[in-house]
Amino acid sequence: MANSVEAKTLDEKTLPRPAEGGCPPSPLTERGTGSGVVQKGSVEIDAEKCKGCGLCTMACARGVLAMSEKLNSKGYTPAEVVKPERCTGCKLCALMCPDVAIKVYKKKQAG
């Protein structure tokens, strides 16, 4: 006897529904942690190490980073911080950087 796989169709009864009150907040939103403190980040880019690949700018969903129009001493256009207030400290930019030119710091601010 051959194995048979039953095809199921999705309908309203089988689709997952969000809990009462809607979906939970995204971890990237700037919301309080319950103690009146808002988590934020700070990014530092070593422009001399940066070769301008742009991977960090693509990794940042918040638009904190952009490519500079200025050249570094090696002739590359490095990334730069353009909207520091939007940084959540997720460190995706630093993880993507093949030149290890980015440092991210978490900081707490009274909110």
N, C-alpha and C. Protein backbone atom coordinates (compact mmCIF):
# COMPACT_ATOMS: atom_id res chain seq x y z
N MET A 1 0.84 -1.18 0.00
CA MET A 1 0.00 0.00 0.00
C MET A 1 0.89 1.24 0.00
N ALA A 2 0.64 2.14 -0.91
CA ALA A 2 1.45 3.35 -1.04
C ALA A 2 1.03 4.38 0.00
N ASN A 3 2.01 5.15 0.42
CA ASN A 3 1.72 6.24 1.36
C ASN A 3 0.98 7.35 0.62
N SER A 4 -0.06 7.82 1.22
CA SER A 4 -0.78 8.92 0.59
C SER A 4 -0.73 10.13 1.52
N VAL A 5 -0.58 11.27 0.91
CA VAL A 5 -0.53 12.52 1.65
C VAL A 5 -1.82 13.26 1.35
N GLU A 6 -2.48 13.65 2.40
CA GLU A 6 -3.75 14.34 2.25
C GLU A 6 -3.49 15.84 2.08
N ALA A 7 -4.00 16.42 1.05
CA ALA A 7 -3.84 17.85 0.82
C ALA A 7 -4.87 18.60 1.63
N LYS A 8 -4.39 19.59 2.38
CA LYS A 8 -5.31 20.39 3.17
C LYS A 8 -5.33 21.80 2.62
N THR A 9 -6.49 22.37 2.63
CA THR A 9 -6.61 23.75 2.19
C THR A 9 -6.77 24.64 3.41
N LEU A 10 -6.24 25.85 3.32
CA LEU A 10 -6.36 26.80 4.41
C LEU A 10 -7.65 27.58 4.25
N ASP A 11 -8.34 27.72 5.33
CA ASP A 11 -9.51 28.57 5.34
C ASP A 11 -9.47 29.41 6.62
N GLU A 12 -10.48 30.20 6.86
CA GLU A 12 -10.49 31.09 8.01
C GLU A 12 -10.36 30.34 9.33
N LYS A 13 -10.84 29.12 9.38
CA LYS A 13 -10.81 28.35 10.62
C LYS A 13 -9.41 27.86 10.95
N THR A 14 -8.59 27.63 9.94
CA THR A 14 -7.27 27.06 10.19
C THR A 14 -6.15 28.10 10.24
N LEU A 15 -6.41 29.33 9.82
CA LEU A 15 -5.38 30.36 9.84
C LEU A 15 -5.15 30.85 11.26
N PRO A 16 -3.90 31.07 11.64
CA PRO A 16 -3.64 31.58 12.99
C PRO A 16 -4.15 33.01 13.12
N ARG A 17 -4.62 33.35 14.29
CA ARG A 17 -5.13 34.69 14.55
C ARG A 17 -4.27 35.35 15.63
N PRO A 18 -4.09 36.67 15.54
CA PRO A 18 -3.35 37.36 16.60
C PRO A 18 -4.13 37.33 17.91
N ALA A 19 -3.41 37.41 19.01
CA ALA A 19 -4.04 37.42 20.31
C ALA A 19 -4.88 38.68 20.47
N GLU A 20 -5.75 38.67 21.46
CA GLU A 20 -6.55 39.87 21.71
C GLU A 20 -5.65 41.06 21.91
N GLY A 21 -6.02 42.19 21.36
CA GLY A 21 -5.19 43.38 21.48
C GLY A 21 -4.23 43.53 20.31
N GLY A 22 -4.26 42.61 19.36
CA GLY A 22 -3.39 42.72 18.18
C GLY A 22 -2.07 42.00 18.34
N CYS A 23 -1.20 42.23 17.39
CA CYS A 23 0.11 41.58 17.38
C CYS A 23 1.03 42.24 18.41
N PRO A 24 2.00 41.49 18.92
CA PRO A 24 2.95 42.10 19.85
C PRO A 24 3.81 43.12 19.13
N PRO A 25 4.38 44.09 19.85
CA PRO A 25 5.23 45.09 19.21
C PRO A 25 6.49 44.47 18.63
N SER A 26 6.96 45.02 17.54
CA SER A 26 8.19 44.56 16.92
C SER A 26 9.36 44.88 17.82
N PRO A 27 10.39 44.03 17.86
CA PRO A 27 11.57 44.34 18.68
C PRO A 27 12.34 45.55 18.17
N LEU A 28 12.05 45.99 16.94
CA LEU A 28 12.76 47.14 16.39
C LEU A 28 12.08 48.47 16.70
N THR A 29 10.91 48.43 17.32
CA THR A 29 10.24 49.68 17.64
C THR A 29 10.85 50.30 18.89
N GLU A 30 10.78 51.59 18.99
CA GLU A 30 11.35 52.29 20.13
C GLU A 30 10.31 52.42 21.22
N ARG A 31 10.01 51.30 21.87
CA ARG A 31 9.02 51.31 22.94
C ARG A 31 9.73 51.08 24.26
N GLY A 32 9.10 51.52 25.30
CA GLY A 32 9.67 51.33 26.64
C GLY A 32 9.75 49.86 27.01
N THR A 33 10.63 49.54 27.93
CA THR A 33 10.81 48.17 28.37
C THR A 33 9.94 47.86 29.58
N GLY A 34 9.06 48.77 29.97
CA GLY A 34 8.22 48.56 31.13
C GLY A 34 8.74 49.33 32.33
N SER A 35 9.99 49.71 32.28
CA SER A 35 10.58 50.44 33.40
C SER A 35 10.78 51.91 33.06
N GLY A 36 10.18 52.38 31.97
CA GLY A 36 10.33 53.77 31.57
C GLY A 36 11.65 54.04 30.88
N VAL A 37 12.36 52.99 30.47
CA VAL A 37 13.65 53.12 29.81
C VAL A 37 13.53 52.68 28.37
N VAL A 38 14.08 53.44 27.45
CA VAL A 38 14.04 53.10 26.03
C VAL A 38 15.44 52.65 25.61
N GLN A 39 15.52 51.47 25.01
CA GLN A 39 16.81 50.95 24.54
C GLN A 39 17.15 51.62 23.22
N LYS A 40 18.35 52.14 23.10
CA LYS A 40 18.82 52.72 21.86
C LYS A 40 20.25 52.28 21.64
N GLY A 41 20.77 52.56 20.47
CA GLY A 41 22.14 52.19 20.16
C GLY A 41 22.92 53.37 19.64
N SER A 42 24.21 53.16 19.56
CA SER A 42 25.12 54.15 19.03
C SER A 42 26.10 53.41 18.11
N VAL A 43 26.32 53.95 16.91
CA VAL A 43 27.18 53.30 15.92
C VAL A 43 28.42 54.14 15.68
N GLU A 44 29.57 53.48 15.65
CA GLU A 44 30.82 54.13 15.27
C GLU A 44 31.41 53.38 14.08
N ILE A 45 31.79 54.12 13.06
CA ILE A 45 32.39 53.52 11.86
C ILE A 45 33.81 54.03 11.72
N ASP A 46 34.76 53.11 11.59
CA ASP A 46 36.15 53.47 11.33
C ASP A 46 36.28 53.66 9.82
N ALA A 47 36.23 54.90 9.39
CA ALA A 47 36.22 55.21 7.96
C ALA A 47 37.47 54.72 7.24
N GLU A 48 38.58 54.61 7.95
CA GLU A 48 39.82 54.15 7.31
C GLU A 48 39.82 52.64 7.06
N LYS A 49 39.08 51.89 7.84
CA LYS A 49 38.97 50.44 7.64
C LYS A 49 37.92 50.10 6.57
N CYS A 50 36.93 50.97 6.43
CA CYS A 50 35.80 50.70 5.54
C CYS A 50 36.22 50.77 4.07
N LYS A 51 35.80 49.74 3.30
CA LYS A 51 36.09 49.69 1.86
C LYS A 51 34.88 50.05 1.01
N GLY A 52 33.80 50.48 1.66
CA GLY A 52 32.64 50.96 0.91
C GLY A 52 31.80 49.91 0.22
N CYS A 53 31.71 48.71 0.77
CA CYS A 53 30.92 47.66 0.11
C CYS A 53 29.42 47.92 0.21
N GLY A 54 28.98 48.63 1.25
CA GLY A 54 27.58 48.97 1.41
C GLY A 54 26.72 47.91 2.06
N LEU A 55 27.30 46.80 2.49
CA LEU A 55 26.50 45.74 3.11
C LEU A 55 25.82 46.23 4.39
N CYS A 56 26.48 47.09 5.14
CA CYS A 56 25.89 47.60 6.38
C CYS A 56 24.66 48.46 6.10
N THR A 57 24.70 49.23 5.04
CA THR A 57 23.56 50.09 4.72
C THR A 57 22.35 49.26 4.29
N MET A 58 22.61 48.12 3.64
CA MET A 58 21.53 47.23 3.24
C MET A 58 20.97 46.46 4.43
N ALA A 59 21.82 46.18 5.42
CA ALA A 59 21.38 45.43 6.60
C ALA A 59 20.56 46.27 7.55
N CYS A 60 20.73 47.58 7.51
CA CYS A 60 20.04 48.47 8.45
C CYS A 60 18.65 48.83 7.95
N ALA A 61 17.64 48.24 8.56
CA ALA A 61 16.26 48.49 8.17
C ALA A 61 15.77 49.87 8.60
N ARG A 62 16.49 50.50 9.51
CA ARG A 62 16.07 51.79 10.05
C ARG A 62 16.68 52.98 9.30
N GLY A 63 17.56 52.74 8.34
CA GLY A 63 18.15 53.83 7.56
C GLY A 63 19.14 54.68 8.33
N VAL A 64 19.81 54.08 9.31
CA VAL A 64 20.79 54.81 10.14
C VAL A 64 22.04 55.13 9.34
N LEU A 65 22.42 54.23 8.45
CA LEU A 65 23.68 54.37 7.71
C LEU A 65 23.45 54.69 6.23
N ALA A 66 24.43 55.36 5.65
CA ALA A 66 24.42 55.65 4.21
C ALA A 66 25.87 55.71 3.75
N MET A 67 26.06 55.66 2.46
CA MET A 67 27.40 55.75 1.93
C MET A 67 27.81 57.22 1.82
N SER A 68 29.01 57.53 2.25
CA SER A 68 29.52 58.90 2.23
C SER A 68 29.91 59.28 0.80
N GLU A 69 29.93 60.57 0.56
CA GLU A 69 30.43 61.05 -0.73
C GLU A 69 31.91 61.39 -0.65
N LYS A 70 32.44 61.43 0.58
CA LYS A 70 33.86 61.74 0.79
C LYS A 70 34.69 60.47 0.69
N LEU A 71 35.90 60.60 0.22
CA LEU A 71 36.81 59.47 0.12
C LEU A 71 37.68 59.37 1.37
N ASN A 72 38.01 58.12 1.76
CA ASN A 72 38.98 57.95 2.83
C ASN A 72 40.38 57.96 2.21
N SER A 73 41.42 57.76 3.02
CA SER A 73 42.79 57.87 2.52
C SER A 73 43.15 56.78 1.49
N LYS A 74 42.36 55.71 1.45
CA LYS A 74 42.60 54.63 0.50
C LYS A 74 41.80 54.79 -0.79
N GLY A 75 40.97 55.85 -0.85
CA GLY A 75 40.19 56.10 -2.06
C GLY A 75 38.82 55.47 -2.08
N TYR A 76 38.38 54.92 -0.95
CA TYR A 76 37.05 54.31 -0.86
C TYR A 76 36.05 55.32 -0.30
N THR A 77 34.79 55.14 -0.65
CA THR A 77 33.73 55.95 -0.04
C THR A 77 33.13 55.14 1.10
N PRO A 78 33.48 55.45 2.34
CA PRO A 78 33.02 54.65 3.47
C PRO A 78 31.57 54.93 3.84
N ALA A 79 31.03 54.06 4.65
CA ALA A 79 29.70 54.28 5.20
C ALA A 79 29.79 55.34 6.28
N GLU A 80 28.67 56.01 6.54
CA GLU A 80 28.62 56.99 7.61
C GLU A 80 27.26 56.94 8.29
N VAL A 81 27.23 57.42 9.52
CA VAL A 81 25.98 57.47 10.28
C VAL A 81 25.25 58.75 9.88
N VAL A 82 24.03 58.61 9.36
CA VAL A 82 23.26 59.78 8.93
C VAL A 82 22.03 60.05 9.79
N LYS A 83 21.51 59.02 10.46
CA LYS A 83 20.34 59.19 11.33
C LYS A 83 20.56 58.42 12.63
N PRO A 84 21.47 58.92 13.49
CA PRO A 84 21.81 58.18 14.71
C PRO A 84 20.64 57.98 15.67
N GLU A 85 19.67 58.87 15.65
CA GLU A 85 18.53 58.76 16.56
C GLU A 85 17.65 57.56 16.27
N ARG A 86 17.80 56.95 15.10
CA ARG A 86 16.98 55.80 14.72
C ARG A 86 17.60 54.46 15.12
N CYS A 87 18.84 54.47 15.59
CA CYS A 87 19.56 53.23 15.90
C CYS A 87 18.96 52.54 17.12
N THR A 88 18.69 51.25 16.98
CA THR A 88 18.17 50.44 18.08
C THR A 88 19.26 49.61 18.74
N GLY A 89 20.44 49.58 18.14
CA GLY A 89 21.54 48.78 18.69
C GLY A 89 21.44 47.31 18.33
N CYS A 90 20.78 46.98 17.25
CA CYS A 90 20.59 45.57 16.86
C CYS A 90 21.88 44.90 16.39
N LYS A 91 22.85 45.66 15.97
CA LYS A 91 24.18 45.19 15.55
C LYS A 91 24.21 44.45 14.21
N LEU A 92 23.14 44.51 13.43
CA LEU A 92 23.15 43.84 12.13
C LEU A 92 24.20 44.44 11.21
N CYS A 93 24.39 45.76 11.29
CA CYS A 93 25.38 46.42 10.44
C CYS A 93 26.78 45.89 10.75
N ALA A 94 27.10 45.78 12.03
CA ALA A 94 28.42 45.29 12.44
C ALA A 94 28.63 43.83 12.05
N LEU A 95 27.58 43.03 12.15
CA LEU A 95 27.68 41.63 11.77
C LEU A 95 27.92 41.46 10.27
N MET A 96 27.38 42.35 9.47
CA MET A 96 27.53 42.27 8.02
C MET A 96 28.88 42.80 7.52
N CYS A 97 29.56 43.61 8.32
CA CYS A 97 30.77 44.28 7.86
C CYS A 97 31.95 43.32 7.73
N PRO A 98 32.43 43.06 6.50
CA PRO A 98 33.56 42.16 6.31
C PRO A 98 34.89 42.76 6.75
N ASP A 99 34.92 44.07 6.94
CA ASP A 99 36.16 44.76 7.33
C ASP A 99 36.23 45.03 8.83
N VAL A 100 35.23 44.61 9.58
CA VAL A 100 35.16 44.84 11.04
C VAL A 100 35.42 46.31 11.34
N ALA A 101 34.74 47.18 10.61
CA ALA A 101 34.93 48.62 10.74
C ALA A 101 33.82 49.29 11.56
N ILE A 102 32.89 48.50 12.07
CA ILE A 102 31.73 49.07 12.77
C ILE A 102 31.65 48.55 14.19
N LYS A 103 31.44 49.48 15.12
CA LYS A 103 31.19 49.13 16.52
C LYS A 103 29.82 49.69 16.89
N VAL A 104 29.03 48.87 17.58
CA VAL A 104 27.71 49.29 18.02
C VAL A 104 27.65 49.19 19.53
N TYR A 105 27.14 50.23 20.16
CA TYR A 105 27.01 50.28 21.60
C TYR A 105 25.54 50.44 21.96
N LYS A 106 25.09 49.69 22.96
CA LYS A 106 23.74 49.84 23.49
C LYS A 106 23.80 50.88 24.59
N LYS A 107 22.80 51.74 24.65
CA LYS A 107 22.73 52.70 25.74
C LYS A 107 21.30 52.82 26.22
N LYS A 108 21.13 53.16 27.47
CA LYS A 108 19.80 53.34 28.03
C LYS A 108 19.57 54.81 28.26
N GLN A 109 18.38 55.26 27.87
CA GLN A 109 18.01 56.66 28.06
C GLN A 109 16.71 56.68 28.84
N ALA A 110 16.59 57.63 29.73
CA ALA A 110 15.32 57.79 30.46
C ALA A 110 14.26 58.18 29.45
N GLY A 111 13.13 57.55 29.52
CA GLY A 111 12.10 57.82 28.53
C GLY A 111 10.83 58.09 29.09
